[in-house]
Amino acid sequence: MKTENALPVEEQAETPKRILVIEDQELNRKVVRIVLQSKGYTVMEATDAVEAIASLEKAIPQLILMDIALPGQSGEDLTRRIKANLAWVHIPIIALTAAAMSGDRERILKAGCDDYLSKPIDIKVLVERVETHIKG
């Protein structure tokens, strides 16, 4: 499993700004990681649903950034799975997707995502949305 900057269990309570980035493209993960770390966030990473669930079982993030086009289980299905779990239902999920056709936003929000950003991601907007959902 690929998780970067994940903290040992004893340190989890001291990190209120933890974000799980679920994205299969390395470059996209790297850009998001660099931007969020520069703003003081701890970033956990997963490349697919299996890694994402394992990460959630280790540490509860304050926010999830979810790629919709994941290998194996789609981001929409993974969102439904996360929102169906009482331990995770409260975690805001922001969809990051290249799906920008008519109806895509509504379909993704209906799957349980709390917000939606289309790719390519505007870094300023990403930071604003992250801060809104974590403070919200």
Protein backbone atom coordinates (compact mmCIF):
# COMPACT_ATOMS: atom_id res chain seq x y z
CA MET A 1 0.00 0.00 0.00
CA LYS A 2 1.29 3.46 -0.83
CA THR A 3 0.70 6.01 1.88
CA GLU A 4 3.04 8.89 2.23
CA ASN A 5 3.43 10.87 5.40
CA ALA A 6 1.01 8.65 7.31
CA LEU A 7 1.53 9.05 11.05
CA PRO A 8 1.88 6.33 13.66
CA VAL A 9 -1.35 5.62 15.53
CA GLU A 10 -0.13 7.40 18.69
CA GLU A 11 0.31 10.67 16.75
CA GLN A 12 -3.02 10.65 14.92
CA ALA A 13 -4.94 12.68 17.50
CA GLU A 14 -2.42 15.52 17.17
CA THR A 15 -2.98 16.01 13.42
CA PRO A 16 -6.32 17.68 12.75
CA LYS A 17 -5.50 18.54 9.12
CA ARG A 18 -5.19 15.10 7.50
CA ILE A 19 -6.36 14.59 3.91
CA LEU A 20 -6.62 11.32 2.00
CA VAL A 21 -5.92 11.72 -1.72
CA ILE A 22 -7.27 8.82 -3.77
CA GLU A 23 -5.79 9.19 -7.25
CA ASP A 24 -4.18 6.64 -9.56
CA GLN A 25 -2.06 9.13 -11.53
CA GLU A 26 1.27 9.77 -9.83
CA LEU A 27 1.72 13.27 -11.22
CA ASN A 28 -1.73 14.36 -10.04
CA ARG A 29 -1.03 12.97 -6.54
CA LYS A 30 2.33 14.73 -6.44
CA VAL A 31 0.91 18.13 -7.40
CA VAL A 32 -1.92 17.87 -4.87
CA ARG A 33 0.48 16.62 -2.17
CA ILE A 34 2.94 19.48 -2.71
CA VAL A 35 0.21 22.12 -2.67
CA LEU A 36 -1.55 20.75 0.42
CA GLN A 37 1.64 20.12 2.37
CA SER A 38 2.70 23.70 1.68
CA LYS A 39 -0.54 24.75 3.42
CA GLY A 40 0.21 22.60 6.48
CA TYR A 41 -1.88 19.53 5.67
CA THR A 42 -0.74 15.96 6.23
CA VAL A 43 -1.43 13.99 3.06
CA MET A 44 -2.17 10.27 2.92
CA GLU A 45 -2.26 8.70 -0.53
CA ALA A 46 -4.01 5.76 -2.16
CA THR A 47 -4.05 4.70 -5.80
CA ASP A 48 -7.20 2.54 -5.73
CA ALA A 49 -10.13 1.42 -3.56
CA VAL A 50 -8.16 -1.31 -1.77
CA GLU A 51 -5.47 1.13 -0.66
CA ALA A 52 -8.08 3.76 0.21
CA ILE A 53 -10.01 1.43 2.54
CA ALA A 54 -6.76 0.29 4.18
CA SER A 55 -5.80 3.95 4.75
CA LEU A 56 -9.21 4.75 6.24
CA GLU A 57 -8.89 1.80 8.61
CA LYS A 58 -5.53 3.17 9.84
CA ALA A 59 -6.42 6.83 10.26
CA ILE A 60 -9.56 8.90 9.76
CA PRO A 61 -8.85 11.95 7.57
CA GLN A 62 -10.71 15.22 7.85
CA LEU A 63 -11.29 15.21 4.07
CA ILE A 64 -11.02 12.91 1.06
CA LEU A 65 -10.06 14.01 -2.45
CA MET A 66 -11.50 11.33 -4.74
CA ASP A 67 -10.54 10.65 -8.34
CA ILE A 68 -13.65 9.29 -10.05
CA ALA A 69 -11.82 7.23 -12.73
CA LEU A 70 -9.97 4.74 -10.54
CA PRO A 71 -8.76 1.29 -11.61
CA GLY A 72 -10.96 -1.51 -10.29
CA GLN A 73 -13.74 0.06 -8.26
CA SER A 74 -14.80 3.50 -9.53
CA GLY A 75 -14.59 6.59 -7.37
CA GLU A 76 -18.39 6.80 -7.40
CA ASP A 77 -18.73 3.25 -6.05
CA LEU A 78 -15.96 3.85 -3.51
CA THR A 79 -17.73 7.02 -2.37
CA ARG A 80 -20.95 5.05 -1.82
CA ARG A 81 -18.98 2.45 0.14
CA ILE A 82 -17.34 5.08 2.34
CA LYS A 83 -20.61 6.92 2.97
CA ALA A 84 -22.30 3.61 3.91
CA ASN A 85 -19.83 3.10 6.76
CA LEU A 86 -20.90 4.81 9.99
CA ALA A 87 -17.27 5.45 10.97
CA TRP A 88 -16.62 7.35 7.74
CA VAL A 89 -19.96 8.84 6.68
CA HIS A 90 -19.05 12.25 8.18
CA ILE A 91 -15.88 12.68 6.08
CA PRO A 92 -16.40 15.23 3.30
CA ILE A 93 -15.44 13.94 -0.15
CA ILE A 94 -14.43 16.24 -2.98
CA ALA A 95 -14.51 14.58 -6.40
CA LEU A 96 -11.58 15.33 -8.69
CA THR A 97 -12.51 14.33 -12.20
CA ALA A 98 -12.05 14.93 -15.87
CA ALA A 99 -15.76 14.04 -16.30
CA ALA A 100 -17.23 17.40 -17.21
CA MET A 101 -20.05 16.39 -19.53
CA SER A 102 -23.63 17.43 -18.94
CA GLY A 103 -25.00 15.49 -15.97
CA ASP A 104 -21.61 14.29 -14.66
CA ARG A 105 -21.54 16.73 -11.74
CA GLU A 106 -25.06 15.81 -10.65
CA ARG A 107 -24.34 12.05 -10.96
CA ILE A 108 -21.15 12.35 -8.91
CA LEU A 109 -22.83 14.42 -6.19
CA LYS A 110 -25.70 11.93 -6.11
CA ALA A 111 -23.16 9.15 -5.45
CA GLY A 112 -22.34 10.94 -2.19
CA CYS A 113 -19.54 13.37 -2.98
CA ASP A 114 -19.88 16.65 -1.12
CA ASP A 115 -18.20 18.75 -3.77
CA TYR A 116 -16.83 18.50 -7.31
CA LEU A 117 -13.77 19.89 -9.06
CA SER A 118 -13.06 19.22 -12.71
CA LYS A 119 -9.57 18.51 -14.00
CA PRO A 120 -7.26 20.13 -14.71
CA ILE A 121 -7.48 21.32 -11.13
CA ASP A 122 -7.17 25.04 -10.40
CA ILE A 123 -4.82 24.97 -7.38
CA LYS A 124 -6.26 28.14 -5.85
CA VAL A 125 -9.80 26.75 -6.06
CA LEU A 126 -8.64 23.39 -4.66
CA VAL A 127 -7.14 25.05 -1.58
CA GLU A 128 -10.25 27.20 -1.09
CA ARG A 129 -12.57 24.19 -1.28
CA VAL A 130 -10.40 22.10 1.03
CA GLU A 131 -10.33 24.88 3.60
CA THR A 132 -14.10 25.39 3.32
CA HIS A 133 -14.85 21.70 3.92
CA ILE A 134 -12.37 21.23 6.74
CA LYS A 135 -13.50 24.38 8.57
CA GLY A 136 -17.14 23.82 7.67
